[in-house]
N, C-alpha and C. Protein backbone atom coordinates (compact mmCIF):
# COMPACT_ATOMS: atom_id res chain seq x y z
N MET A 1 1.30 -37.13 -22.46
CA MET A 1 0.65 -36.40 -21.40
C MET A 1 0.21 -34.92 -21.84
N SER A 2 -0.93 -34.52 -21.67
CA SER A 2 -1.37 -33.24 -21.98
C SER A 2 -1.29 -32.33 -20.81
N LEU A 3 -0.80 -31.17 -21.07
CA LEU A 3 -0.56 -30.23 -19.95
C LEU A 3 -1.64 -29.12 -19.94
N PRO A 4 -1.89 -28.68 -18.76
CA PRO A 4 -2.73 -27.44 -18.72
C PRO A 4 -1.90 -26.33 -19.39
N PRO A 5 -2.44 -25.29 -19.84
CA PRO A 5 -1.71 -24.35 -20.54
C PRO A 5 -0.56 -23.69 -19.72
N LEU A 6 0.56 -23.53 -20.31
CA LEU A 6 1.61 -22.76 -19.56
C LEU A 6 1.34 -21.31 -19.82
N ARG A 7 1.82 -20.53 -18.83
CA ARG A 7 1.63 -19.10 -18.93
C ARG A 7 2.97 -18.43 -18.52
N LEU A 8 3.06 -17.17 -18.98
CA LEU A 8 4.22 -16.38 -18.47
C LEU A 8 4.08 -16.17 -16.93
N ALA A 9 5.21 -16.27 -16.33
CA ALA A 9 5.18 -15.96 -14.81
C ALA A 9 4.91 -14.60 -14.56
N ARG A 10 4.31 -14.34 -13.41
CA ARG A 10 3.96 -12.98 -12.90
C ARG A 10 5.03 -12.48 -11.99
N PRO A 11 5.19 -11.08 -11.89
CA PRO A 11 6.28 -10.57 -11.08
C PRO A 11 6.26 -11.00 -9.59
N GLU A 12 5.05 -11.21 -9.04
CA GLU A 12 4.94 -11.65 -7.72
C GLU A 12 5.32 -13.11 -7.52
N GLU A 13 5.67 -13.78 -8.56
CA GLU A 13 6.01 -15.27 -8.47
C GLU A 13 7.51 -15.43 -8.40
N ALA A 14 8.33 -14.36 -8.48
CA ALA A 14 9.85 -14.59 -8.59
C ALA A 14 10.31 -15.46 -7.38
N GLU A 15 9.88 -15.25 -6.16
CA GLU A 15 10.35 -15.98 -5.11
C GLU A 15 9.88 -17.44 -5.26
N ALA A 16 8.72 -17.66 -5.69
CA ALA A 16 8.20 -19.08 -5.83
C ALA A 16 8.97 -19.82 -6.89
N LEU A 17 9.43 -19.12 -8.02
CA LEU A 17 10.25 -19.75 -9.05
C LEU A 17 11.57 -20.15 -8.44
N ALA A 18 12.22 -19.23 -7.71
CA ALA A 18 13.54 -19.56 -7.10
C ALA A 18 13.39 -20.72 -6.11
N ALA A 19 12.27 -20.78 -5.37
CA ALA A 19 12.13 -21.85 -4.41
C ALA A 19 11.92 -23.17 -5.15
N LEU A 20 11.19 -23.19 -6.29
CA LEU A 20 10.96 -24.45 -7.06
C LEU A 20 12.27 -24.87 -7.62
N VAL A 21 13.08 -24.01 -8.15
CA VAL A 21 14.32 -24.35 -8.69
C VAL A 21 15.22 -24.91 -7.57
N GLY A 22 15.21 -24.30 -6.38
CA GLY A 22 16.03 -24.76 -5.29
C GLY A 22 15.64 -26.18 -4.93
N ARG A 23 14.37 -26.50 -4.93
CA ARG A 23 14.00 -27.89 -4.60
C ARG A 23 14.34 -28.83 -5.73
N ALA A 24 14.13 -28.35 -7.04
CA ALA A 24 14.44 -29.31 -8.16
C ALA A 24 15.91 -29.58 -8.22
N TYR A 25 16.84 -28.67 -7.97
CA TYR A 25 18.20 -28.90 -8.14
C TYR A 25 19.01 -29.17 -6.88
N ALA A 26 18.29 -29.28 -5.78
CA ALA A 26 19.00 -29.62 -4.43
C ALA A 26 19.72 -30.96 -4.50
N ALA A 27 19.23 -31.93 -5.24
CA ALA A 27 19.83 -33.26 -5.21
C ALA A 27 21.20 -33.19 -5.99
N TYR A 28 21.38 -32.14 -6.76
CA TYR A 28 22.69 -32.03 -7.53
C TYR A 28 23.79 -31.28 -6.71
N LEU A 29 23.52 -30.73 -5.60
CA LEU A 29 24.52 -30.03 -4.84
C LEU A 29 25.63 -31.00 -4.37
N PRO A 30 25.39 -32.15 -3.92
CA PRO A 30 26.52 -33.09 -3.58
C PRO A 30 27.17 -33.69 -4.82
N VAL A 31 26.42 -33.73 -5.86
CA VAL A 31 26.94 -34.37 -7.21
C VAL A 31 28.02 -33.48 -7.85
N ILE A 32 27.73 -32.20 -7.87
CA ILE A 32 28.62 -31.34 -8.55
C ILE A 32 29.48 -30.50 -7.47
N GLY A 33 29.14 -30.54 -6.24
CA GLY A 33 29.97 -29.93 -5.25
C GLY A 33 29.77 -28.38 -5.05
N ARG A 34 28.76 -27.83 -5.68
CA ARG A 34 28.47 -26.53 -5.59
C ARG A 34 27.07 -26.24 -6.10
N ARG A 35 26.55 -25.01 -5.87
CA ARG A 35 25.20 -24.71 -6.35
C ARG A 35 25.14 -24.69 -7.85
N PRO A 36 24.24 -25.45 -8.42
CA PRO A 36 24.09 -25.39 -9.92
C PRO A 36 23.63 -24.00 -10.28
N ALA A 37 24.06 -23.58 -11.50
CA ALA A 37 23.85 -22.23 -11.95
C ALA A 37 22.45 -21.74 -11.87
N PRO A 38 21.38 -22.64 -12.21
CA PRO A 38 20.01 -22.07 -12.15
C PRO A 38 19.53 -21.67 -10.77
N MET A 39 20.24 -22.21 -9.76
CA MET A 39 19.82 -21.85 -8.42
C MET A 39 20.17 -20.40 -8.07
N ASP A 40 21.02 -19.78 -8.87
CA ASP A 40 21.39 -18.37 -8.65
C ASP A 40 20.97 -17.45 -9.72
N ASP A 41 20.01 -17.87 -10.56
CA ASP A 41 19.50 -17.03 -11.59
C ASP A 41 18.66 -15.88 -10.94
N ASP A 42 18.40 -14.82 -11.67
CA ASP A 42 17.58 -13.68 -11.21
C ASP A 42 16.18 -13.90 -11.85
N TYR A 43 15.33 -14.53 -11.08
CA TYR A 43 13.94 -14.81 -11.67
C TYR A 43 13.12 -13.59 -11.86
N ALA A 44 13.32 -12.60 -11.03
CA ALA A 44 12.55 -11.36 -11.20
C ALA A 44 12.96 -10.77 -12.60
N ALA A 45 14.22 -10.76 -12.93
CA ALA A 45 14.67 -10.23 -14.15
C ALA A 45 14.10 -11.16 -15.34
N ARG A 46 14.13 -12.43 -15.13
CA ARG A 46 13.60 -13.39 -16.13
C ARG A 46 12.15 -13.11 -16.44
N ILE A 47 11.35 -12.87 -15.36
CA ILE A 47 9.93 -12.55 -15.50
C ILE A 47 9.74 -11.23 -16.22
N ALA A 48 10.50 -10.20 -15.86
CA ALA A 48 10.46 -8.88 -16.47
C ALA A 48 10.79 -8.97 -17.91
N ALA A 49 11.65 -9.85 -18.34
CA ALA A 49 12.08 -9.99 -19.75
C ALA A 49 11.07 -10.87 -20.56
N GLY A 50 10.09 -11.41 -19.88
CA GLY A 50 9.12 -12.33 -20.58
C GLY A 50 9.72 -13.69 -20.89
N GLN A 51 10.71 -14.15 -20.06
CA GLN A 51 11.37 -15.38 -20.44
C GLN A 51 11.01 -16.61 -19.54
N ALA A 52 10.28 -16.31 -18.44
CA ALA A 52 9.89 -17.37 -17.50
C ALA A 52 8.42 -17.79 -17.74
N TRP A 53 8.28 -19.07 -17.86
CA TRP A 53 6.97 -19.69 -18.10
C TRP A 53 6.75 -20.64 -16.92
N VAL A 54 5.51 -20.74 -16.50
CA VAL A 54 5.13 -21.68 -15.41
C VAL A 54 3.96 -22.56 -15.76
N LEU A 55 4.03 -23.69 -15.12
CA LEU A 55 2.99 -24.69 -15.15
C LEU A 55 2.38 -24.78 -13.81
N GLU A 56 1.14 -24.30 -13.71
CA GLU A 56 0.40 -24.36 -12.32
C GLU A 56 -0.02 -25.79 -12.01
N ALA A 57 0.10 -26.08 -10.67
CA ALA A 57 -0.37 -27.38 -10.21
C ALA A 57 -1.88 -27.24 -9.93
N GLU A 58 -2.55 -28.37 -9.74
CA GLU A 58 -3.92 -28.36 -9.41
C GLU A 58 -4.26 -27.59 -8.19
N ASP A 59 -3.35 -27.55 -7.22
CA ASP A 59 -3.55 -26.91 -5.95
C ASP A 59 -3.20 -25.39 -5.97
N GLY A 60 -2.87 -24.95 -7.17
CA GLY A 60 -2.48 -23.51 -7.30
C GLY A 60 -1.02 -23.14 -7.16
N GLY A 61 -0.21 -24.19 -6.70
CA GLY A 61 1.18 -23.99 -6.64
C GLY A 61 1.84 -24.12 -7.99
N LEU A 62 3.19 -24.15 -8.06
CA LEU A 62 3.86 -24.29 -9.30
C LEU A 62 4.41 -25.71 -9.41
N ALA A 63 4.07 -26.36 -10.54
CA ALA A 63 4.42 -27.70 -10.78
C ALA A 63 5.76 -27.74 -11.61
N GLY A 64 5.93 -26.78 -12.44
CA GLY A 64 7.15 -26.62 -13.18
C GLY A 64 7.43 -25.29 -13.73
N LEU A 65 8.60 -25.12 -14.37
CA LEU A 65 8.91 -23.85 -15.01
C LEU A 65 9.85 -24.05 -16.06
N LEU A 66 9.82 -23.01 -17.03
CA LEU A 66 10.79 -22.97 -18.14
C LEU A 66 11.41 -21.59 -18.21
N VAL A 67 12.68 -21.49 -18.59
CA VAL A 67 13.18 -20.16 -18.87
C VAL A 67 13.74 -20.34 -20.36
N LEU A 68 13.17 -19.54 -21.23
CA LEU A 68 13.36 -19.57 -22.70
C LEU A 68 13.90 -18.16 -23.17
N GLU A 69 14.97 -18.32 -24.02
CA GLU A 69 15.50 -17.08 -24.70
C GLU A 69 15.67 -17.26 -26.11
N VAL A 70 15.34 -16.21 -26.91
CA VAL A 70 15.73 -16.32 -28.33
C VAL A 70 17.23 -16.00 -28.43
N ALA A 71 17.91 -16.80 -29.10
CA ALA A 71 19.35 -16.69 -29.26
C ALA A 71 19.72 -16.90 -30.76
N GLY A 72 19.63 -15.79 -31.48
CA GLY A 72 19.98 -15.87 -32.88
C GLY A 72 18.92 -16.77 -33.62
N SER A 73 19.49 -17.83 -34.19
CA SER A 73 18.58 -18.69 -34.96
C SER A 73 17.94 -19.83 -34.26
N HIS A 74 18.12 -19.81 -32.97
CA HIS A 74 17.52 -21.00 -32.18
C HIS A 74 16.87 -20.49 -30.88
N LEU A 75 16.11 -21.33 -30.24
CA LEU A 75 15.50 -21.01 -28.94
C LEU A 75 16.39 -21.72 -27.91
N TRP A 76 16.88 -20.85 -26.92
CA TRP A 76 17.77 -21.34 -25.91
C TRP A 76 16.95 -21.73 -24.66
N LEU A 77 17.06 -22.99 -24.21
CA LEU A 77 16.29 -23.42 -23.05
C LEU A 77 17.40 -23.25 -21.87
N GLU A 78 17.15 -22.20 -21.12
CA GLU A 78 18.07 -21.85 -20.11
C GLU A 78 17.77 -22.72 -18.86
N ASN A 79 16.50 -23.06 -18.70
CA ASN A 79 16.15 -23.87 -17.55
C ASN A 79 14.87 -24.52 -17.70
N VAL A 80 14.73 -25.81 -17.33
CA VAL A 80 13.50 -26.58 -17.16
C VAL A 80 13.55 -27.23 -15.76
N ALA A 81 12.53 -27.03 -15.00
CA ALA A 81 12.51 -27.52 -13.68
C ALA A 81 11.12 -28.04 -13.36
N VAL A 82 11.05 -29.23 -12.71
CA VAL A 82 9.78 -29.79 -12.27
C VAL A 82 9.88 -30.00 -10.81
N ASP A 83 8.86 -29.59 -10.01
CA ASP A 83 8.91 -29.79 -8.55
C ASP A 83 9.17 -31.23 -8.31
N PRO A 84 10.12 -31.57 -7.41
CA PRO A 84 10.39 -32.92 -7.13
C PRO A 84 9.17 -33.85 -6.70
N ALA A 85 8.23 -33.22 -6.02
CA ALA A 85 7.09 -34.02 -5.62
C ALA A 85 6.23 -34.37 -6.81
N ARG A 86 6.49 -33.82 -8.01
CA ARG A 86 5.65 -34.05 -9.14
C ARG A 86 6.50 -34.75 -10.35
N GLN A 87 7.76 -35.07 -9.98
CA GLN A 87 8.59 -35.64 -10.98
C GLN A 87 8.18 -37.07 -11.29
N ARG A 88 8.61 -37.60 -12.43
CA ARG A 88 8.42 -39.00 -12.85
C ARG A 88 6.92 -39.19 -13.26
N ALA A 89 6.27 -38.13 -13.58
CA ALA A 89 4.85 -38.25 -13.97
C ALA A 89 4.65 -37.74 -15.49
N GLY A 90 5.76 -37.52 -16.17
CA GLY A 90 5.63 -37.10 -17.60
C GLY A 90 5.62 -35.62 -17.78
N LEU A 91 5.74 -34.81 -16.69
CA LEU A 91 5.71 -33.35 -16.85
C LEU A 91 6.94 -32.87 -17.67
N GLY A 92 8.05 -33.44 -17.33
CA GLY A 92 9.33 -32.96 -18.03
C GLY A 92 9.16 -33.11 -19.59
N ARG A 93 8.74 -34.27 -19.96
CA ARG A 93 8.50 -34.52 -21.47
C ARG A 93 7.46 -33.56 -21.99
N ALA A 94 6.41 -33.39 -21.26
CA ALA A 94 5.37 -32.39 -21.73
C ALA A 94 5.92 -31.04 -21.84
N LEU A 95 6.64 -30.59 -20.88
CA LEU A 95 7.26 -29.22 -20.93
C LEU A 95 8.21 -29.15 -22.06
N MET A 96 8.93 -30.17 -22.37
CA MET A 96 9.91 -30.20 -23.54
C MET A 96 9.13 -30.09 -24.86
N ARG A 97 7.96 -30.79 -24.97
CA ARG A 97 7.18 -30.59 -26.21
C ARG A 97 6.68 -29.15 -26.30
N PHE A 98 6.39 -28.51 -25.27
CA PHE A 98 5.94 -27.12 -25.28
C PHE A 98 7.15 -26.26 -25.84
N VAL A 99 8.29 -26.56 -25.35
CA VAL A 99 9.49 -25.79 -25.86
C VAL A 99 9.67 -25.95 -27.29
N GLY A 100 9.55 -27.16 -27.81
CA GLY A 100 9.62 -27.39 -29.27
C GLY A 100 8.55 -26.60 -30.01
N GLY A 101 7.37 -26.64 -29.53
CA GLY A 101 6.24 -25.87 -30.22
C GLY A 101 6.46 -24.40 -30.07
N GLU A 102 6.95 -23.96 -28.97
CA GLU A 102 7.31 -22.47 -28.87
C GLU A 102 8.37 -22.07 -29.84
N ALA A 103 9.41 -22.82 -30.06
CA ALA A 103 10.40 -22.56 -31.07
C ALA A 103 9.77 -22.42 -32.42
N LEU A 104 8.95 -23.45 -32.77
CA LEU A 104 8.23 -23.36 -34.01
C LEU A 104 7.37 -22.14 -34.19
N ARG A 105 6.55 -21.85 -33.22
CA ARG A 105 5.74 -20.73 -33.19
C ARG A 105 6.55 -19.43 -33.36
N ARG A 106 7.79 -19.36 -32.93
CA ARG A 106 8.59 -18.19 -33.11
C ARG A 106 9.43 -18.19 -34.44
N GLY A 107 9.24 -19.26 -35.19
CA GLY A 107 10.02 -19.43 -36.45
C GLY A 107 11.44 -19.86 -36.28
N LEU A 108 11.68 -20.48 -35.16
CA LEU A 108 13.08 -20.91 -34.90
C LEU A 108 13.22 -22.45 -35.05
N PRO A 109 14.11 -22.93 -35.87
CA PRO A 109 14.09 -24.34 -36.24
C PRO A 109 14.80 -25.30 -35.24
N GLU A 110 15.41 -24.73 -34.26
CA GLU A 110 16.28 -25.58 -33.33
C GLU A 110 16.13 -25.08 -31.89
N VAL A 111 16.25 -25.97 -30.92
CA VAL A 111 16.30 -25.76 -29.58
C VAL A 111 17.68 -26.22 -29.02
N ARG A 112 18.33 -25.35 -28.24
CA ARG A 112 19.59 -25.71 -27.70
C ARG A 112 19.58 -25.51 -26.16
N LEU A 113 20.39 -26.25 -25.46
CA LEU A 113 20.58 -26.12 -23.99
C LEU A 113 21.95 -26.53 -23.59
N LEU A 114 22.17 -26.39 -22.28
CA LEU A 114 23.38 -26.97 -21.75
C LEU A 114 23.02 -27.59 -20.38
N THR A 115 23.79 -28.55 -19.95
CA THR A 115 23.64 -29.12 -18.61
C THR A 115 25.06 -29.48 -18.14
N ASN A 116 25.05 -29.68 -16.84
CA ASN A 116 26.43 -30.03 -16.23
C ASN A 116 26.67 -31.44 -16.51
N GLU A 117 27.93 -31.79 -16.90
CA GLU A 117 28.19 -33.14 -17.23
C GLU A 117 28.11 -34.18 -16.13
N ARG A 118 28.00 -33.74 -14.92
CA ARG A 118 27.80 -34.65 -13.75
C ARG A 118 26.30 -34.91 -13.57
N MET A 119 25.39 -34.17 -14.27
CA MET A 119 24.00 -34.42 -14.08
C MET A 119 23.62 -35.48 -15.02
N GLU A 120 24.01 -36.69 -14.72
CA GLU A 120 23.81 -37.82 -15.72
C GLU A 120 22.37 -38.14 -15.98
N ARG A 121 21.52 -37.95 -15.00
CA ARG A 121 20.02 -38.16 -15.24
C ARG A 121 19.52 -37.24 -16.32
N ASN A 122 19.94 -35.93 -16.22
CA ASN A 122 19.60 -34.88 -17.23
C ASN A 122 20.12 -35.29 -18.65
N LEU A 123 21.43 -35.69 -18.67
CA LEU A 123 22.03 -36.08 -19.96
C LEU A 123 21.23 -37.22 -20.54
N ALA A 124 20.81 -38.19 -19.81
CA ALA A 124 20.15 -39.39 -20.27
C ALA A 124 18.72 -38.98 -20.75
N PHE A 125 18.05 -38.10 -20.04
CA PHE A 125 16.73 -37.64 -20.39
C PHE A 125 16.80 -36.87 -21.73
N TYR A 126 17.76 -35.92 -21.94
CA TYR A 126 17.90 -35.23 -23.17
C TYR A 126 18.23 -36.16 -24.35
N ALA A 127 18.99 -37.10 -24.12
CA ALA A 127 19.40 -38.12 -25.13
C ALA A 127 18.12 -38.89 -25.56
N ARG A 128 17.35 -39.30 -24.59
CA ARG A 128 16.13 -40.01 -24.93
C ARG A 128 15.19 -39.22 -25.79
N LEU A 129 15.11 -37.89 -25.60
CA LEU A 129 14.31 -37.00 -26.36
C LEU A 129 14.85 -36.78 -27.77
N GLY A 130 16.12 -37.04 -28.00
CA GLY A 130 16.69 -36.95 -29.29
C GLY A 130 17.71 -35.76 -29.44
N PHE A 131 18.10 -35.11 -28.29
CA PHE A 131 19.12 -34.15 -28.29
C PHE A 131 20.44 -34.77 -28.74
N ALA A 132 21.17 -34.02 -29.57
CA ALA A 132 22.55 -34.43 -29.90
C ALA A 132 23.49 -33.49 -29.18
N GLU A 133 24.60 -34.11 -28.73
CA GLU A 133 25.65 -33.37 -28.06
C GLU A 133 26.50 -32.57 -29.07
N LEU A 134 26.70 -31.27 -28.77
CA LEU A 134 27.46 -30.39 -29.62
C LEU A 134 28.87 -30.21 -29.23
N GLU A 135 29.05 -30.07 -27.93
CA GLU A 135 30.36 -29.90 -27.28
C GLU A 135 30.36 -29.99 -25.84
N ARG A 136 31.54 -30.12 -25.22
CA ARG A 136 31.76 -30.05 -23.82
C ARG A 136 32.85 -29.12 -23.58
N ARG A 137 32.60 -28.22 -22.57
CA ARG A 137 33.66 -27.26 -22.20
C ARG A 137 33.42 -26.78 -20.76
N GLU A 138 34.55 -26.27 -20.18
CA GLU A 138 34.48 -25.72 -18.79
C GLU A 138 34.21 -24.21 -18.87
N GLU A 139 33.28 -23.77 -18.15
CA GLU A 139 32.96 -22.40 -18.00
C GLU A 139 32.54 -22.12 -16.58
N LYS A 140 33.14 -21.01 -16.00
CA LYS A 140 32.75 -20.56 -14.70
C LYS A 140 32.86 -21.64 -13.64
N GLY A 141 33.83 -22.54 -13.82
CA GLY A 141 34.06 -23.63 -12.96
C GLY A 141 33.11 -24.83 -13.10
N PHE A 142 32.24 -24.78 -14.14
CA PHE A 142 31.36 -25.90 -14.45
C PHE A 142 31.76 -26.60 -15.69
N ARG A 143 31.67 -27.96 -15.65
CA ARG A 143 31.89 -28.73 -16.87
C ARG A 143 30.58 -28.90 -17.54
N ARG A 144 30.41 -28.22 -18.70
CA ARG A 144 29.09 -28.12 -19.35
C ARG A 144 29.06 -28.95 -20.66
N VAL A 145 27.81 -29.40 -20.90
CA VAL A 145 27.55 -30.24 -22.06
C VAL A 145 26.41 -29.35 -22.88
N TYR A 146 26.81 -28.99 -24.09
CA TYR A 146 25.90 -28.26 -24.96
C TYR A 146 25.25 -29.26 -25.88
N MET A 147 23.91 -29.09 -25.98
CA MET A 147 23.09 -30.09 -26.87
C MET A 147 22.11 -29.25 -27.72
N ALA A 148 21.57 -29.89 -28.82
CA ALA A 148 20.64 -29.29 -29.70
C ALA A 148 19.78 -30.34 -30.22
N ILE A 149 18.57 -29.94 -30.69
CA ILE A 149 17.56 -30.77 -31.35
C ILE A 149 16.74 -29.93 -32.26
N PRO A 150 16.36 -30.48 -33.37
CA PRO A 150 15.47 -29.69 -34.27
C PRO A 150 14.05 -29.47 -33.50
N ALA A 151 13.55 -28.35 -33.55
CA ALA A 151 12.41 -27.94 -32.80
C ALA A 151 11.20 -28.86 -33.23
N GLU A 152 11.14 -29.16 -34.49
CA GLU A 152 10.04 -30.05 -34.98
C GLU A 152 10.01 -31.42 -34.34
N ARG A 153 11.22 -31.92 -34.13
CA ARG A 153 11.37 -33.21 -33.55
C ARG A 153 10.94 -33.23 -31.99
N LEU A 154 11.33 -32.14 -31.41
CA LEU A 154 10.97 -31.98 -29.96
C LEU A 154 9.50 -31.76 -29.69
N ALA A 155 8.90 -30.98 -30.62
CA ALA A 155 7.43 -30.75 -30.54
C ALA A 155 6.59 -31.93 -30.70
N GLY A 156 7.23 -32.93 -31.38
CA GLY A 156 6.54 -34.20 -31.58
C GLY A 156 5.36 -34.10 -32.45
């Protein structure tokens, strides 16, 4: 699937990003028993830092978002979210290809992320893309799974 160009989020979109994340992660509330960490992120700060990317929908709304950070020798994928009304249409895979390409553009050979171990759908998705599990640990009351993939493989 080819995406329209992603762009950096604008300051006035912070609330829209938080709302999209709220919709995208709502199904996980009963699964993990508390708010997933991305629901409490500071999207205004992410935008100000140039870390939040958005995918606009045809109707002008937001179809998806990425939060990316340079972390030493790799690109850290802090968050990927697709509006639930647009899920299962290949947007997640296309966003992940963008992440791989962005890592390569920045000269970073690897992409890393974490997810909650109870988010089985996410774990399966990342495994299908080729992510390898690095470790599992408990942090801030969450059981987290850390994963990595070579950027070149993710970019496809």
